[in-house]
N, C-alpha and C. Protein backbone atom coordinates (compact mmCIF):
# COMPACT_ATOMS: atom_id res chain seq x y z
N MET A 1 3.08 -24.33 -29.27
CA MET A 1 2.08 -25.34 -28.96
C MET A 1 0.78 -25.05 -29.72
N ALA A 2 0.10 -26.10 -30.07
CA ALA A 2 -1.16 -25.97 -30.77
C ALA A 2 -2.28 -25.66 -29.78
N LYS A 3 -3.27 -24.93 -30.29
CA LYS A 3 -4.43 -24.60 -29.46
C LYS A 3 -5.29 -25.85 -29.27
N VAL A 4 -5.72 -26.09 -28.06
CA VAL A 4 -6.58 -27.23 -27.77
C VAL A 4 -8.03 -26.80 -28.00
N GLN A 5 -8.74 -27.54 -28.86
CA GLN A 5 -10.14 -27.23 -29.13
C GLN A 5 -11.02 -27.85 -28.06
N SER A 6 -12.03 -27.11 -27.65
CA SER A 6 -13.00 -27.67 -26.72
C SER A 6 -14.04 -28.45 -27.52
N PHE A 7 -14.84 -29.21 -26.82
CA PHE A 7 -15.90 -29.98 -27.49
C PHE A 7 -16.90 -29.04 -28.15
N ALA A 8 -17.21 -27.93 -27.50
CA ALA A 8 -18.17 -26.98 -28.07
C ALA A 8 -17.64 -26.39 -29.37
N ASP A 9 -16.33 -26.10 -29.44
CA ASP A 9 -15.74 -25.58 -30.67
C ASP A 9 -15.85 -26.60 -31.80
N LYS A 10 -15.57 -27.86 -31.49
CA LYS A 10 -15.66 -28.91 -32.51
C LYS A 10 -17.09 -29.10 -32.98
N ALA A 11 -18.04 -29.11 -32.04
CA ALA A 11 -19.45 -29.30 -32.40
C ALA A 11 -19.95 -28.14 -33.24
N ALA A 12 -19.58 -26.92 -32.90
CA ALA A 12 -20.01 -25.76 -33.67
C ALA A 12 -19.42 -25.80 -35.07
N LYS A 13 -18.18 -26.21 -35.18
CA LYS A 13 -17.53 -26.30 -36.49
C LYS A 13 -18.21 -27.35 -37.37
N LEU A 14 -18.54 -28.51 -36.79
CA LEU A 14 -19.21 -29.56 -37.56
C LEU A 14 -20.63 -29.17 -37.92
N ALA A 15 -21.33 -28.48 -37.01
CA ALA A 15 -22.70 -28.06 -37.29
C ALA A 15 -22.72 -27.05 -38.43
N LYS A 16 -21.77 -26.14 -38.43
CA LYS A 16 -21.71 -25.15 -39.49
C LYS A 16 -21.40 -25.80 -40.83
N LYS A 17 -20.52 -26.79 -40.80
CA LYS A 17 -20.14 -27.51 -42.01
C LYS A 17 -21.30 -28.36 -42.54
N ALA A 18 -22.04 -28.99 -41.64
CA ALA A 18 -23.11 -29.90 -42.05
C ALA A 18 -24.40 -29.16 -42.42
N GLU A 19 -24.50 -27.90 -42.01
CA GLU A 19 -25.73 -27.16 -42.27
C GLU A 19 -25.84 -26.84 -43.76
N SER A 20 -26.93 -27.23 -44.34
CA SER A 20 -27.15 -26.94 -45.74
C SER A 20 -28.63 -26.73 -45.97
N THR A 21 -28.96 -25.91 -46.94
CA THR A 21 -30.35 -25.66 -47.27
C THR A 21 -30.62 -26.25 -48.64
N VAL A 22 -31.75 -26.91 -48.74
CA VAL A 22 -32.17 -27.54 -49.99
C VAL A 22 -33.66 -27.27 -50.19
N MET A 23 -34.14 -27.60 -51.37
CA MET A 23 -35.56 -27.47 -51.64
C MET A 23 -36.28 -28.75 -51.24
N CYS A 24 -37.30 -28.61 -50.42
CA CYS A 24 -38.09 -29.76 -49.98
C CYS A 24 -39.05 -30.14 -51.11
N PRO A 25 -39.07 -31.41 -51.53
CA PRO A 25 -39.95 -31.80 -52.66
C PRO A 25 -41.44 -31.75 -52.30
N ASP A 26 -41.79 -31.89 -51.03
CA ASP A 26 -43.20 -31.90 -50.64
C ASP A 26 -43.78 -30.49 -50.57
N THR A 27 -43.04 -29.57 -49.96
CA THR A 27 -43.56 -28.22 -49.75
C THR A 27 -43.06 -27.22 -50.78
N ASN A 28 -42.08 -27.59 -51.58
CA ASN A 28 -41.44 -26.72 -52.57
C ASN A 28 -40.92 -25.43 -51.95
N GLN A 29 -40.44 -25.53 -50.71
CA GLN A 29 -39.83 -24.41 -50.02
C GLN A 29 -38.41 -24.76 -49.64
N GLU A 30 -37.61 -23.75 -49.43
CA GLU A 30 -36.24 -23.97 -49.02
C GLU A 30 -36.22 -24.34 -47.54
N THR A 31 -35.57 -25.43 -47.20
CA THR A 31 -35.52 -25.90 -45.81
C THR A 31 -34.14 -26.43 -45.50
N ARG A 32 -33.84 -26.54 -44.22
CA ARG A 32 -32.54 -27.05 -43.80
C ARG A 32 -32.60 -28.56 -43.65
N LEU A 33 -31.44 -29.18 -43.74
CA LEU A 33 -31.31 -30.61 -43.45
C LEU A 33 -30.79 -30.74 -42.04
N ILE A 34 -31.39 -31.64 -41.27
CA ILE A 34 -30.92 -31.87 -39.91
C ILE A 34 -30.59 -33.34 -39.74
N ASN A 35 -29.68 -33.63 -38.84
CA ASN A 35 -29.30 -35.01 -38.54
C ASN A 35 -30.12 -35.50 -37.35
N VAL A 36 -30.72 -36.66 -37.49
CA VAL A 36 -31.50 -37.27 -36.41
C VAL A 36 -31.05 -38.71 -36.23
N ARG A 37 -31.32 -39.24 -35.06
CA ARG A 37 -31.01 -40.64 -34.78
C ARG A 37 -32.33 -41.39 -34.63
N LEU A 38 -32.54 -42.38 -35.48
CA LEU A 38 -33.75 -43.20 -35.44
C LEU A 38 -33.46 -44.49 -34.71
N VAL A 39 -34.32 -44.83 -33.76
CA VAL A 39 -34.19 -46.06 -33.01
C VAL A 39 -35.43 -46.91 -33.31
N GLU A 40 -35.20 -48.13 -33.75
CA GLU A 40 -36.29 -49.02 -34.13
C GLU A 40 -36.23 -50.29 -33.27
N ALA A 41 -37.36 -50.66 -32.67
CA ALA A 41 -37.43 -51.88 -31.86
C ALA A 41 -37.86 -53.04 -32.75
N VAL A 42 -37.06 -54.09 -32.79
CA VAL A 42 -37.33 -55.25 -33.63
C VAL A 42 -37.36 -56.48 -32.74
N THR A 43 -38.39 -57.32 -32.91
CA THR A 43 -38.44 -58.57 -32.15
C THR A 43 -37.72 -59.65 -32.94
N THR A 44 -36.89 -60.41 -32.26
CA THR A 44 -36.14 -61.47 -32.91
C THR A 44 -36.97 -62.74 -32.96
N GLU A 45 -36.42 -63.78 -33.56
CA GLU A 45 -37.13 -65.05 -33.67
C GLU A 45 -37.38 -65.67 -32.31
N LYS A 46 -36.48 -65.43 -31.37
CA LYS A 46 -36.62 -66.01 -30.03
C LYS A 46 -37.62 -65.23 -29.17
N GLY A 47 -38.06 -64.07 -29.63
CA GLY A 47 -39.04 -63.29 -28.88
C GLY A 47 -38.43 -62.13 -28.11
N SER A 48 -37.12 -62.01 -28.11
CA SER A 48 -36.50 -60.88 -27.41
C SER A 48 -36.55 -59.64 -28.30
N VAL A 49 -36.34 -58.49 -27.70
CA VAL A 49 -36.40 -57.23 -28.43
C VAL A 49 -34.99 -56.72 -28.66
N LYS A 50 -34.75 -56.30 -29.89
CA LYS A 50 -33.44 -55.78 -30.27
C LYS A 50 -33.66 -54.36 -30.79
N PHE A 51 -32.77 -53.44 -30.43
CA PHE A 51 -32.89 -52.06 -30.86
C PHE A 51 -31.87 -51.77 -31.95
N LEU A 52 -32.37 -51.30 -33.07
CA LEU A 52 -31.52 -50.90 -34.18
C LEU A 52 -31.54 -49.38 -34.25
N ASP A 53 -30.38 -48.76 -34.21
CA ASP A 53 -30.34 -47.31 -34.32
C ASP A 53 -29.48 -46.92 -35.51
N ARG A 54 -29.89 -45.83 -36.14
CA ARG A 54 -29.16 -45.33 -37.30
C ARG A 54 -29.31 -43.81 -37.36
N ASN A 55 -28.33 -43.20 -37.96
CA ASN A 55 -28.35 -41.75 -38.14
C ASN A 55 -28.83 -41.45 -39.56
N MET A 56 -29.72 -40.45 -39.66
CA MET A 56 -30.26 -40.07 -40.96
C MET A 56 -30.31 -38.57 -41.08
N ARG A 57 -30.33 -38.09 -42.30
CA ARG A 57 -30.56 -36.67 -42.55
C ARG A 57 -32.00 -36.53 -43.02
N VAL A 58 -32.73 -35.57 -42.44
CA VAL A 58 -34.13 -35.36 -42.79
C VAL A 58 -34.36 -33.88 -43.07
N TYR A 59 -35.46 -33.60 -43.79
CA TYR A 59 -35.87 -32.23 -44.02
C TYR A 59 -36.45 -31.67 -42.73
N GLU A 60 -36.10 -30.45 -42.38
CA GLU A 60 -36.59 -29.87 -41.13
C GLU A 60 -38.09 -29.56 -41.20
N SER A 61 -38.62 -29.25 -42.37
CA SER A 61 -40.02 -28.87 -42.48
C SER A 61 -40.97 -30.06 -42.39
N THR A 62 -40.58 -31.21 -42.94
CA THR A 62 -41.49 -32.36 -42.97
C THR A 62 -40.96 -33.58 -42.22
N TYR A 63 -39.70 -33.57 -41.84
CA TYR A 63 -39.04 -34.70 -41.17
C TYR A 63 -39.08 -35.99 -41.99
N LYS A 64 -39.13 -35.84 -43.31
CA LYS A 64 -39.04 -37.00 -44.19
C LYS A 64 -37.57 -37.21 -44.54
N PRO A 65 -37.16 -38.46 -44.80
CA PRO A 65 -35.75 -38.73 -45.10
C PRO A 65 -35.26 -38.01 -46.34
N TYR A 66 -34.02 -37.57 -46.28
CA TYR A 66 -33.37 -36.90 -47.41
C TYR A 66 -32.68 -37.95 -48.26
N LYS A 67 -33.01 -37.97 -49.53
CA LYS A 67 -32.39 -38.94 -50.43
C LYS A 67 -31.51 -38.16 -51.40
N GLY A 68 -30.24 -38.22 -51.17
CA GLY A 68 -29.37 -37.51 -52.10
C GLY A 68 -28.08 -37.31 -51.54
């Protein structure tokens, strides 16, 4: 039988895989990239509020979006 992975094992494996260090263009220092979820409130034409959410990678030192 195959070993059943727990959620913590899967999350740790993905975090280790996604962890990377790059040079931040603003500070010229080596920094990590982190994944964040941005939620934006947008008003529609009818006046109701709609929430748009998206996942982005940002520099940990400045929290500016990573382009690359």
